[in-house]
Amino acid sequence: MEGQLSNDDPAQPTATSPWAHKYRGATVEDLDPPPALSCKPTDTISYALMNAYERDYTHLTVVSEDTRALLGYLNIPRLKQLLKDRTVEDTEHVEKAMQKFQRRGNVYKVITMDTPLEELEAFFNGGADGKGPQSFAVVTDGSRRFVLGVATKSDLEEFVKRRPA
């Protein structure tokens, strides 16, 4: 039939995901996440807090002093509550307040600069190996050797707000 597109025609409109219009092929790199700010388990909590406040960060990664391997993270709002409840003191080491990554038996979703924002949103919403809603993602290189940054759910929301429709 003249004037109609066949199913084999690449110009034929196809069904798109609900995120396709919102992100239009953008990746984590398009969020322009700030460089990761890491601390060591032996740093004091006051030192970690000062660094987080200076940069307005809500999460700090904790890395090994020797290997720079990712050990866990500090959730600054949670840390403030621990200090308020006197569960920890600001003179104690970060290792007392950090949340450790459980490596044995767990498979973590690798988020890189090339991860599509659709996958990042799914991760934040608990899908795609998120194992429940997540508030942040550690952005690494593909081999997970280097922490490049931290992306938060609010970073993703801000990206959508500032992107032209």
N, C-alpha and C. Protein backbone atom coordinates (compact mmCIF):
# COMPACT_ATOMS: atom_id res chain seq x y z
N MET A 1 0.83 -1.17 0.00
CA MET A 1 0.00 0.00 0.00
C MET A 1 0.87 1.23 0.00
N GLU A 2 0.54 2.12 -0.83
CA GLU A 2 1.30 3.33 -0.94
C GLU A 2 1.00 4.25 0.24
N GLY A 3 2.06 4.91 0.77
CA GLY A 3 1.88 5.87 1.85
C GLY A 3 1.91 5.26 3.25
N GLN A 4 1.96 3.94 3.37
CA GLN A 4 2.03 3.33 4.68
C GLN A 4 3.41 2.73 4.88
N LEU A 5 3.83 2.70 6.12
CA LEU A 5 5.12 2.13 6.44
C LEU A 5 4.95 0.68 6.84
N SER A 6 5.85 -0.14 6.37
CA SER A 6 5.79 -1.54 6.77
C SER A 6 6.52 -1.72 8.10
N ASN A 7 6.32 -2.85 8.71
CA ASN A 7 6.98 -3.12 9.98
C ASN A 7 8.49 -3.24 9.83
N ASP A 8 8.96 -3.51 8.60
CA ASP A 8 10.39 -3.64 8.37
C ASP A 8 11.05 -2.29 8.12
N ASP A 9 10.28 -1.24 7.99
CA ASP A 9 10.81 0.08 7.68
C ASP A 9 11.41 0.71 8.93
N PRO A 10 12.69 1.13 8.89
CA PRO A 10 13.31 1.73 10.08
C PRO A 10 12.67 3.05 10.47
N ALA A 11 11.94 3.69 9.60
CA ALA A 11 11.28 4.96 9.93
C ALA A 11 9.97 4.74 10.67
N GLN A 12 9.55 3.49 10.79
CA GLN A 12 8.31 3.17 11.48
C GLN A 12 8.43 3.54 12.95
N PRO A 13 7.49 4.30 13.49
CA PRO A 13 7.55 4.61 14.93
C PRO A 13 7.44 3.34 15.75
N THR A 14 8.19 3.28 16.83
CA THR A 14 8.16 2.11 17.70
C THR A 14 7.75 2.55 19.09
N ALA A 15 7.34 1.59 19.88
CA ALA A 15 6.97 1.90 21.27
C ALA A 15 8.25 2.25 22.03
N THR A 16 8.19 3.26 22.85
CA THR A 16 9.35 3.67 23.63
C THR A 16 9.05 3.53 25.11
N SER A 17 10.11 3.43 25.88
CA SER A 17 9.95 3.33 27.32
C SER A 17 9.48 4.67 27.85
N PRO A 18 8.88 4.68 29.03
CA PRO A 18 8.43 5.95 29.60
C PRO A 18 9.60 6.90 29.88
N TRP A 19 10.84 6.35 29.98
CA TRP A 19 12.00 7.19 30.27
C TRP A 19 12.65 7.76 29.01
N ALA A 20 12.37 7.19 27.86
CA ALA A 20 13.07 7.58 26.65
C ALA A 20 12.93 9.07 26.36
N HIS A 21 11.73 9.60 26.54
CA HIS A 21 11.52 11.02 26.28
C HIS A 21 12.22 11.88 27.33
N LYS A 22 12.20 11.44 28.55
CA LYS A 22 12.77 12.21 29.65
C LYS A 22 14.29 12.32 29.55
N TYR A 23 14.96 11.23 29.21
CA TYR A 23 16.43 11.20 29.22
C TYR A 23 17.08 11.31 27.85
N ARG A 24 16.38 10.90 26.81
CA ARG A 24 16.86 10.99 25.43
C ARG A 24 18.31 10.54 25.25
N GLY A 25 18.62 9.36 25.78
CA GLY A 25 19.94 8.77 25.58
C GLY A 25 21.03 9.29 26.50
N ALA A 26 20.70 10.11 27.47
CA ALA A 26 21.70 10.65 28.39
C ALA A 26 22.26 9.55 29.29
N THR A 27 23.48 9.75 29.72
CA THR A 27 24.15 8.82 30.62
C THR A 27 24.54 9.53 31.92
N VAL A 28 25.08 8.77 32.85
CA VAL A 28 25.52 9.34 34.13
C VAL A 28 26.50 10.49 33.90
N GLU A 29 27.32 10.37 32.88
CA GLU A 29 28.28 11.44 32.58
C GLU A 29 27.58 12.78 32.35
N ASP A 30 26.38 12.75 31.77
CA ASP A 30 25.61 13.97 31.52
C ASP A 30 25.13 14.63 32.81
N LEU A 31 25.08 13.88 33.90
CA LEU A 31 24.73 14.47 35.20
C LEU A 31 25.87 15.35 35.70
N ASP A 32 27.06 15.13 35.16
CA ASP A 32 28.26 15.85 35.57
C ASP A 32 28.46 15.73 37.08
N PRO A 33 28.52 14.48 37.56
CA PRO A 33 28.66 14.31 39.01
C PRO A 33 29.99 14.88 39.48
N PRO A 34 29.99 15.52 40.66
CA PRO A 34 31.25 16.03 41.18
C PRO A 34 32.18 14.87 41.51
N PRO A 35 33.48 15.13 41.51
CA PRO A 35 34.41 14.04 41.86
C PRO A 35 34.09 13.50 43.25
N ALA A 36 34.33 12.22 43.41
CA ALA A 36 34.05 11.59 44.70
C ALA A 36 34.96 12.18 45.76
N LEU A 37 34.42 12.33 46.92
CA LEU A 37 35.20 12.74 48.07
C LEU A 37 35.26 11.53 48.98
N SER A 38 36.45 11.01 49.14
CA SER A 38 36.61 9.80 49.95
C SER A 38 37.36 10.13 51.22
N CYS A 39 37.08 9.34 52.22
CA CYS A 39 37.83 9.44 53.47
C CYS A 39 38.33 8.04 53.82
N LYS A 40 39.19 7.98 54.79
CA LYS A 40 39.75 6.71 55.23
C LYS A 40 39.07 6.29 56.53
N PRO A 41 39.07 5.01 56.82
CA PRO A 41 38.43 4.54 58.06
C PRO A 41 39.04 5.16 59.31
N THR A 42 40.31 5.58 59.24
CA THR A 42 40.98 6.13 60.42
C THR A 42 40.84 7.65 60.54
N ASP A 43 40.21 8.30 59.56
CA ASP A 43 39.94 9.73 59.68
C ASP A 43 38.93 9.94 60.80
N THR A 44 38.99 11.11 61.43
CA THR A 44 38.00 11.39 62.46
C THR A 44 36.68 11.78 61.81
N ILE A 45 35.62 11.54 62.53
CA ILE A 45 34.29 11.90 62.06
C ILE A 45 34.19 13.40 61.83
N SER A 46 34.82 14.19 62.70
CA SER A 46 34.77 15.66 62.53
C SER A 46 35.45 16.07 61.23
N TYR A 47 36.54 15.42 60.87
CA TYR A 47 37.25 15.72 59.62
C TYR A 47 36.36 15.38 58.42
N ALA A 48 35.72 14.22 58.47
CA ALA A 48 34.84 13.82 57.37
C ALA A 48 33.66 14.78 57.24
N LEU A 49 33.06 15.15 58.36
CA LEU A 49 31.93 16.09 58.34
C LEU A 49 32.34 17.44 57.77
N MET A 50 33.50 17.95 58.17
CA MET A 50 33.98 19.23 57.68
C MET A 50 34.13 19.18 56.15
N ASN A 51 34.71 18.10 55.64
CA ASN A 51 34.87 17.97 54.20
C ASN A 51 33.53 17.88 53.48
N ALA A 52 32.59 17.16 54.05
CA ALA A 52 31.27 17.04 53.44
C ALA A 52 30.56 18.38 53.43
N TYR A 53 30.62 19.12 54.53
CA TYR A 53 29.97 20.43 54.60
C TYR A 53 30.58 21.42 53.62
N GLU A 54 31.91 21.41 53.49
CA GLU A 54 32.59 22.34 52.58
C GLU A 54 32.14 22.17 51.14
N ARG A 55 31.80 20.94 50.78
CA ARG A 55 31.42 20.65 49.39
C ARG A 55 29.92 20.39 49.24
N ASP A 56 29.19 20.49 50.32
CA ASP A 56 27.75 20.25 50.32
C ASP A 56 27.42 18.85 49.80
N TYR A 57 28.17 17.85 50.28
CA TYR A 57 27.95 16.46 49.90
C TYR A 57 27.09 15.78 50.94
N THR A 58 26.24 14.87 50.50
CA THR A 58 25.41 14.10 51.42
C THR A 58 25.96 12.70 51.66
N HIS A 59 26.91 12.26 50.83
CA HIS A 59 27.50 10.94 50.98
C HIS A 59 29.00 11.04 50.70
N LEU A 60 29.78 10.37 51.52
CA LEU A 60 31.22 10.25 51.30
C LEU A 60 31.56 8.78 51.19
N THR A 61 32.40 8.45 50.25
CA THR A 61 32.86 7.06 50.16
C THR A 61 34.01 6.87 51.14
N VAL A 62 34.14 5.66 51.63
CA VAL A 62 35.23 5.30 52.54
C VAL A 62 36.09 4.27 51.81
N VAL A 63 37.38 4.59 51.69
CA VAL A 63 38.30 3.72 50.95
C VAL A 63 39.44 3.28 51.85
N SER A 64 40.00 2.14 51.50
CA SER A 64 41.14 1.59 52.23
C SER A 64 42.35 2.51 52.09
N GLU A 65 43.09 2.67 53.18
CA GLU A 65 44.30 3.50 53.14
C GLU A 65 45.36 2.89 52.24
N ASP A 66 45.45 1.57 52.22
CA ASP A 66 46.50 0.89 51.47
C ASP A 66 46.16 0.70 50.00
N THR A 67 44.99 0.15 49.74
CA THR A 67 44.64 -0.24 48.36
C THR A 67 43.69 0.71 47.67
N ARG A 68 43.11 1.66 48.42
CA ARG A 68 42.09 2.58 47.92
C ARG A 68 40.82 1.83 47.48
N ALA A 69 40.68 0.58 47.92
CA ALA A 69 39.48 -0.20 47.62
C ALA A 69 38.29 0.40 48.36
N LEU A 70 37.14 0.36 47.73
CA LEU A 70 35.92 0.89 48.32
C LEU A 70 35.46 -0.04 49.44
N LEU A 71 35.35 0.52 50.64
CA LEU A 71 34.96 -0.27 51.81
C LEU A 71 33.52 -0.01 52.23
N GLY A 72 33.06 1.22 52.02
CA GLY A 72 31.72 1.58 52.45
C GLY A 72 31.48 3.06 52.21
N TYR A 73 30.58 3.63 52.99
CA TYR A 73 30.24 5.04 52.80
C TYR A 73 29.73 5.64 54.10
N LEU A 74 29.73 6.95 54.12
CA LEU A 74 29.12 7.72 55.21
C LEU A 74 27.92 8.44 54.63
N ASN A 75 26.77 8.22 55.23
CA ASN A 75 25.56 8.95 54.88
C ASN A 75 25.51 10.11 55.87
N ILE A 76 25.73 11.33 55.40
CA ILE A 76 25.88 12.48 56.30
C ILE A 76 24.62 12.74 57.13
N PRO A 77 23.41 12.70 56.56
CA PRO A 77 22.23 12.87 57.43
C PRO A 77 22.15 11.81 58.53
N ARG A 78 22.48 10.57 58.20
CA ARG A 78 22.49 9.50 59.21
C ARG A 78 23.57 9.77 60.25
N LEU A 79 24.74 10.23 59.81
CA LEU A 79 25.84 10.52 60.71
C LEU A 79 25.46 11.63 61.69
N LYS A 80 24.78 12.66 61.20
CA LYS A 80 24.33 13.74 62.09
C LYS A 80 23.40 13.19 63.18
N GLN A 81 22.54 12.26 62.79
CA GLN A 81 21.63 11.65 63.77
C GLN A 81 22.40 10.82 64.79
N LEU A 82 23.39 10.08 64.33
CA LEU A 82 24.21 9.29 65.25
C LEU A 82 24.92 10.19 66.26
N LEU A 83 25.39 11.34 65.79
CA LEU A 83 26.05 12.30 66.69
C LEU A 83 25.04 12.89 67.68
N LYS A 84 23.87 13.23 67.18
CA LYS A 84 22.82 13.79 68.04
C LYS A 84 22.40 12.80 69.12
N ASP A 85 22.28 11.52 68.73
CA ASP A 85 21.90 10.46 69.67
C ASP A 85 23.06 10.02 70.56
N ARG A 86 24.24 10.58 70.31
CA ARG A 86 25.47 10.24 71.04
C ARG A 86 25.88 8.78 70.86
N THR A 87 25.49 8.20 69.73
CA THR A 87 25.92 6.85 69.40
C THR A 87 27.40 6.86 69.04
N VAL A 88 27.85 7.95 68.42
CA VAL A 88 29.26 8.17 68.11
C VAL A 88 29.63 9.59 68.52
N GLU A 89 30.92 9.81 68.67
CA GLU A 89 31.46 11.14 68.99
C GLU A 89 32.26 11.62 67.79
N ASP A 90 32.35 12.93 67.61
CA ASP A 90 33.05 13.45 66.44
C ASP A 90 34.55 13.24 66.48
N THR A 91 35.09 12.83 67.63
CA THR A 91 36.52 12.54 67.74
C THR A 91 36.85 11.09 67.39
N GLU A 92 35.82 10.27 67.21
CA GLU A 92 36.04 8.85 66.88
C GLU A 92 36.34 8.70 65.40
N HIS A 93 36.84 7.52 65.06
CA HIS A 93 37.19 7.22 63.66
C HIS A 93 35.94 6.96 62.83
N VAL A 94 36.06 7.26 61.55
CA VAL A 94 34.99 7.06 60.57
C VAL A 94 34.51 5.61 60.58
N GLU A 95 35.42 4.66 60.78
CA GLU A 95 35.05 3.24 60.72
C GLU A 95 33.95 2.89 61.73
N LYS A 96 33.81 3.66 62.78
CA LYS A 96 32.77 3.39 63.77
C LYS A 96 31.37 3.78 63.26
N ALA A 97 31.31 4.73 62.33
CA ALA A 97 30.02 5.23 61.84
C ALA A 97 29.71 4.85 60.40
N MET A 98 30.70 4.35 59.69
CA MET A 98 30.49 4.06 58.26
C MET A 98 29.57 2.86 58.06
N GLN A 99 28.93 2.85 56.91
CA GLN A 99 28.12 1.71 56.51
C GLN A 99 28.97 0.90 55.53
N LYS A 100 29.25 -0.34 55.89
CA LYS A 100 30.16 -1.18 55.12
C LYS A 100 29.42 -1.88 54.00
N PHE A 101 30.12 -2.03 52.88
CA PHE A 101 29.60 -2.84 51.79
C PHE A 101 29.88 -4.30 52.13
N GLN A 102 28.86 -5.12 52.04
CA GLN A 102 29.00 -6.54 52.31
C GLN A 102 29.35 -7.25 51.00
N ARG A 103 30.59 -7.61 50.85
CA ARG A 103 31.07 -8.18 49.58
C ARG A 103 30.69 -9.65 49.42
N ARG A 104 30.70 -10.41 50.49
CA ARG A 104 30.44 -11.84 50.38
C ARG A 104 28.97 -12.10 50.10
N GLY A 105 28.72 -12.82 49.02
CA GLY A 105 27.36 -13.20 48.70
C GLY A 105 26.52 -12.10 48.06
N ASN A 106 27.08 -10.92 47.89
CA ASN A 106 26.33 -9.82 47.27
C ASN A 106 26.93 -9.45 45.92
N VAL A 107 26.06 -9.19 44.98
CA VAL A 107 26.48 -8.69 43.68
C VAL A 107 25.95 -7.27 43.58
N TYR A 108 26.85 -6.33 43.38
CA TYR A 108 26.46 -4.93 43.31
C TYR A 108 26.33 -4.49 41.86
N LYS A 109 25.38 -3.65 41.61
CA LYS A 109 25.18 -3.07 40.28
C LYS A 109 26.32 -2.10 40.03
N VAL A 110 27.01 -2.26 38.92
CA VAL A 110 28.11 -1.36 38.56
C VAL A 110 27.51 -0.16 37.83
N ILE A 111 27.74 1.02 38.37
CA ILE A 111 27.30 2.26 37.76
C ILE A 111 28.55 2.98 37.27
N THR A 112 28.64 3.21 35.97
CA THR A 112 29.78 3.91 35.39
C THR A 112 29.29 5.20 34.74
N MET A 113 30.20 5.97 34.21
CA MET A 113 29.84 7.21 33.51
C MET A 113 29.00 6.90 32.26
N ASP A 114 29.10 5.68 31.74
CA ASP A 114 28.36 5.29 30.53
C ASP A 114 27.00 4.66 30.82
N THR A 115 26.64 4.52 32.08
CA THR A 115 25.35 3.92 32.43
C THR A 115 24.22 4.84 31.98
N PRO A 116 23.26 4.33 31.22
CA PRO A 116 22.12 5.16 30.81
C PRO A 116 21.31 5.62 32.03
N LEU A 117 20.76 6.81 31.94
CA LEU A 117 19.99 7.34 33.06
C LEU A 117 18.75 6.52 33.35
N GLU A 118 18.22 5.81 32.36
CA GLU A 118 17.08 4.91 32.61
C GLU A 118 17.48 3.85 33.63
N GLU A 119 18.70 3.30 33.47
CA GLU A 119 19.19 2.27 34.40
C GLU A 119 19.43 2.86 35.79
N LEU A 120 19.96 4.08 35.83
CA LEU A 120 20.20 4.73 37.11
C LEU A 120 18.89 4.97 37.84
N GLU A 121 17.86 5.43 37.13
CA GLU A 121 16.56 5.64 37.75
C GLU A 121 15.99 4.32 38.26
N ALA A 122 16.11 3.27 37.47
CA ALA A 122 15.63 1.96 37.90
C ALA A 122 16.37 1.50 39.16
N PHE A 123 17.67 1.75 39.21
CA PHE A 123 18.48 1.42 40.38
C PHE A 123 17.98 2.18 41.61
N PHE A 124 17.74 3.48 41.46
CA PHE A 124 17.24 4.27 42.58
C PHE A 124 15.87 3.79 43.05
N ASN A 125 15.08 3.27 42.13
CA ASN A 125 13.73 2.81 42.48
C ASN A 125 13.72 1.35 42.94
N GLY A 126 14.88 0.74 43.05
CA GLY A 126 14.97 -0.60 43.60
C GLY A 126 15.06 -1.71 42.59
N GLY A 127 15.00 -1.39 41.32
CA GLY A 127 15.12 -2.41 40.28
C GLY A 127 16.56 -2.55 39.84
N ALA A 128 16.77 -3.32 38.81
CA ALA A 128 18.10 -3.52 38.21
C ALA A 128 19.18 -3.71 39.28
N ASP A 129 18.99 -4.70 40.14
CA ASP A 129 19.93 -5.06 41.19
C ASP A 129 20.02 -4.04 42.31
N GLY A 130 19.06 -3.11 42.38
CA GLY A 130 19.06 -2.15 43.47
C GLY A 130 18.66 -2.79 44.79
N LYS A 131 17.94 -3.90 44.73
CA LYS A 131 17.50 -4.65 45.92
C LYS A 131 16.82 -3.72 46.93
N GLY A 132 15.94 -2.90 46.44
CA GLY A 132 15.25 -1.93 47.28
C GLY A 132 15.65 -0.52 46.88
N PRO A 133 14.83 0.46 47.18
CA PRO A 133 15.12 1.84 46.79
C PRO A 133 16.48 2.31 47.32
N GLN A 134 17.20 3.03 46.48
CA GLN A 134 18.53 3.55 46.81
C GLN A 134 18.51 5.07 46.72
N SER A 135 19.26 5.75 47.56
CA SER A 135 19.29 7.21 47.51
C SER A 135 20.52 7.74 46.81
N PHE A 136 21.52 6.88 46.58
CA PHE A 136 22.72 7.31 45.88
C PHE A 136 23.36 6.13 45.18
N ALA A 137 24.25 6.44 44.25
CA ALA A 137 25.00 5.40 43.53
C ALA A 137 26.46 5.82 43.48
N VAL A 138 27.34 4.88 43.77
CA VAL A 138 28.77 5.12 43.63
C VAL A 138 29.12 4.89 42.16
N VAL A 139 29.69 5.91 41.53
CA VAL A 139 30.06 5.83 40.12
C VAL A 139 31.53 5.42 40.04
N THR A 140 31.78 4.31 39.36
CA THR A 140 33.15 3.79 39.25
C THR A 140 33.53 3.62 37.79
N ASP A 141 34.79 3.26 37.58
CA ASP A 141 35.18 2.84 36.24
C ASP A 141 34.61 1.44 36.03
N GLY A 142 34.67 0.95 34.80
CA GLY A 142 34.05 -0.34 34.47
C GLY A 142 34.57 -1.50 35.28
N SER A 143 35.83 -1.45 35.70
CA SER A 143 36.40 -2.56 36.47
C SER A 143 36.22 -2.38 37.97
N ARG A 144 35.56 -1.31 38.38
CA ARG A 144 35.28 -1.00 39.78
C ARG A 144 36.55 -0.77 40.59
N ARG A 145 37.61 -0.33 39.93
CA ARG A 145 38.87 -0.08 40.66
C ARG A 145 38.93 1.33 41.22
N PHE A 146 38.27 2.29 40.54
CA PHE A 146 38.37 3.68 40.95
C PHE A 146 36.99 4.29 41.16
N VAL A 147 36.82 4.97 42.27
CA VAL A 147 35.59 5.69 42.53
C VAL A 147 35.71 7.04 41.83
N LEU A 148 34.78 7.31 40.91
CA LEU A 148 34.83 8.54 40.14
C LEU A 148 33.90 9.61 40.69
N GLY A 149 32.83 9.20 41.33
CA GLY A 149 31.88 10.16 41.86
C GLY A 149 30.73 9.47 42.55
N VAL A 150 29.81 10.28 43.00
CA VAL A 150 28.59 9.78 43.62
C VAL A 150 27.42 10.51 42.96
N ALA A 151 26.44 9.75 42.51
CA ALA A 151 25.23 10.34 41.92
C ALA A 151 24.08 10.07 42.87
N THR A 152 23.25 11.09 43.08
CA THR A 152 22.12 10.94 43.98
C THR A 152 20.81 11.02 43.19
N LYS A 153 19.76 10.59 43.83
CA LYS A 153 18.44 10.67 43.21
C LYS A 153 18.10 12.13 42.91
N SER A 154 18.50 13.04 43.79
CA SER A 154 18.22 14.46 43.55
C SER A 154 19.01 15.00 42.36
N ASP A 155 20.21 14.46 42.11
CA ASP A 155 20.97 14.85 40.91
C ASP A 155 20.17 14.51 39.65
N LEU A 156 19.57 13.34 39.66
CA LEU A 156 18.77 12.89 38.52
C LEU A 156 17.54 13.78 38.35
N GLU A 157 16.88 14.11 39.45
CA GLU A 157 15.70 14.98 39.38
C GLU A 157 16.06 16.38 38.87
N GLU A 158 17.19 16.91 39.32
CA GLU A 158 17.64 18.23 38.86
C GLU A 158 17.97 18.21 37.38
N PHE A 159 18.56 17.13 36.91
CA PHE A 159 18.89 16.99 35.49
C PHE A 159 17.63 17.09 34.64
N VAL A 160 16.58 16.40 35.06
CA VAL A 160 15.32 16.40 34.31
C VAL A 160 14.70 17.81 34.33
N LYS A 161 14.78 18.49 35.47
CA LYS A 161 14.20 19.83 35.58
C LYS A 161 14.89 20.84 34.67
N ARG A 162 16.21 20.76 34.57
CA ARG A 162 16.95 21.77 33.78
C ARG A 162 17.07 21.41 32.30
N ARG A 163 16.67 20.21 31.95
CA ARG A 163 16.76 19.80 30.55
C ARG A 163 15.55 20.29 29.79
N PRO A 164 15.75 20.94 28.64
CA PRO A 164 14.60 21.43 27.87
C PRO A 164 13.71 20.28 27.42
N ALA A 165 12.41 20.55 27.41
CA ALA A 165 11.43 19.52 27.02
C ALA A 165 11.46 19.25 25.53
